[in-house]
Amino acid sequence: MQSVCCDSVMLHMPKTYLTILIKNDLFSFLGLVNAHLVDSNQTAKPVTAVVKLDPREGEPLLKQFETSGEAIHQYETAIDTSIERGWSVVYRGVPLFG
């Protein structure tokens, strides 16, 4: 898999990366998403965001970033922090279909 490190990579990488983590009996999800948000005027705006779903927090969290490089950095930092806090990575890569 190609290393994710900078803005130019976002042009060649899949639109979504995900990381599934486990700790004890809990599963958590982190996602890096490159997509378009459509506003009420039907105008599409490119967005790069990190999505986090932690079952202890109830609601998923989506945080948008100004640049894809910043989003990639925050995604990698979130994974590293989770591992430091005792979470184990079960899957990391592009979503699997089928």
Protein backbone atom coordinates (compact mmCIF):
# COMPACT_ATOMS: atom_id res chain seq x y z
CA MET A 1 0.00 0.00 0.00
CA GLN A 2 1.22 3.49 -0.79
CA SER A 3 2.46 5.52 2.15
CA VAL A 4 0.18 8.41 3.10
CA CYS A 5 2.28 11.47 3.77
CA CYS A 6 1.28 14.61 1.93
CA ASP A 7 -1.33 16.55 -0.10
CA SER A 8 -0.21 15.20 -3.48
CA VAL A 9 -0.86 11.63 -2.32
CA MET A 10 -4.55 12.41 -1.85
CA LEU A 11 -4.84 12.72 -5.63
CA HIS A 12 -3.77 9.10 -6.09
CA MET A 13 -5.17 7.39 -3.01
CA PRO A 14 -8.60 5.87 -2.47
CA LYS A 15 -11.27 8.22 -1.18
CA THR A 16 -11.54 6.41 2.14
CA TYR A 17 -9.13 4.73 4.53
CA LEU A 18 -10.31 3.05 7.68
CA THR A 19 -8.81 1.66 10.83
CA ILE A 20 -10.70 -0.73 13.09
CA LEU A 21 -9.36 -1.05 16.62
CA ILE A 22 -10.22 -3.34 19.54
CA LYS A 23 -9.66 -3.03 23.27
CA ASN A 24 -11.13 -5.65 25.59
CA ASP A 25 -14.69 -6.14 24.27
CA LEU A 26 -14.92 -2.75 22.49
CA PHE A 27 -14.48 -1.96 18.80
CA SER A 28 -13.64 1.53 17.57
CA PHE A 29 -13.42 3.00 14.08
CA LEU A 30 -11.26 5.77 12.61
CA GLY A 31 -11.72 6.87 9.02
CA LEU A 32 -9.97 9.25 6.66
CA VAL A 33 -12.45 10.49 4.09
CA ASN A 34 -11.90 12.54 0.94
CA ALA A 35 -15.34 13.45 -0.42
CA HIS A 36 -17.65 16.24 -1.57
CA LEU A 37 -20.28 17.80 0.67
CA VAL A 38 -23.34 19.19 -1.10
CA ASP A 39 -24.97 22.25 0.46
CA SER A 40 -28.61 23.35 0.22
CA ASN A 41 -27.84 25.16 -3.07
CA GLN A 42 -26.57 21.89 -4.55
CA THR A 43 -23.00 23.24 -4.58
CA ALA A 44 -20.38 20.56 -4.01
CA LYS A 45 -17.39 21.41 -1.82
CA PRO A 46 -14.40 19.08 -1.54
CA VAL A 47 -13.79 17.98 2.03
CA THR A 48 -11.13 15.94 3.76
CA ALA A 49 -12.11 14.77 7.21
CA VAL A 50 -11.37 12.31 9.97
CA VAL A 51 -14.30 10.28 11.28
CA LYS A 52 -14.22 8.66 14.70
CA LEU A 53 -16.71 6.24 16.18
CA ASP A 54 -16.06 5.26 19.77
CA PRO A 55 -18.92 3.25 21.34
CA ARG A 56 -18.29 4.92 24.70
CA GLU A 57 -19.07 8.34 23.21
CA GLY A 58 -22.38 7.47 21.55
CA GLU A 59 -22.32 9.78 18.53
CA PRO A 60 -19.75 9.61 15.74
CA LEU A 61 -17.44 12.60 15.32
CA LEU A 62 -16.50 14.10 11.95
CA LYS A 63 -13.78 16.74 11.91
CA GLN A 64 -12.99 18.59 8.67
CA PHE A 65 -9.55 19.97 7.86
CA GLU A 66 -8.37 22.77 5.59
CA THR A 67 -5.81 20.54 3.84
CA SER A 68 -5.57 16.85 3.16
CA GLY A 69 -2.07 16.88 4.66
CA GLU A 70 -3.47 18.14 7.96
CA ALA A 71 -6.22 15.49 7.90
CA ILE A 72 -3.72 12.72 7.17
CA HIS A 73 -1.51 13.90 10.02
CA GLN A 74 -4.44 13.94 12.47
CA TYR A 75 -5.61 10.51 11.30
CA GLU A 76 -2.14 9.03 11.86
CA THR A 77 -1.84 10.78 15.24
CA ALA A 78 -5.23 9.42 16.35
CA ILE A 79 -4.15 5.88 15.46
CA ASP A 80 -0.83 6.26 17.28
CA THR A 81 -2.57 7.69 20.36
CA SER A 82 -5.08 4.83 20.39
CA ILE A 83 -2.28 2.26 20.25
CA GLU A 84 -0.46 4.04 23.10
CA ARG A 85 -3.69 3.81 25.14
CA GLY A 86 -3.89 0.04 24.74
CA TRP A 87 -6.00 -0.35 21.58
CA SER A 88 -4.95 -2.95 18.98
CA VAL A 89 -5.35 -2.47 15.23
CA VAL A 90 -7.55 -5.19 13.73
CA TYR A 91 -7.70 -3.75 10.20
CA ARG A 92 -6.10 -0.78 8.48
CA GLY A 93 -6.57 0.04 4.81
CA VAL A 94 -9.27 0.68 2.26
CA PRO A 95 -12.79 -0.54 2.89
CA LEU A 96 -13.42 -4.08 1.66
CA PHE A 97 -16.45 -4.71 -0.52
CA GLY A 98 -18.13 -8.00 -1.26
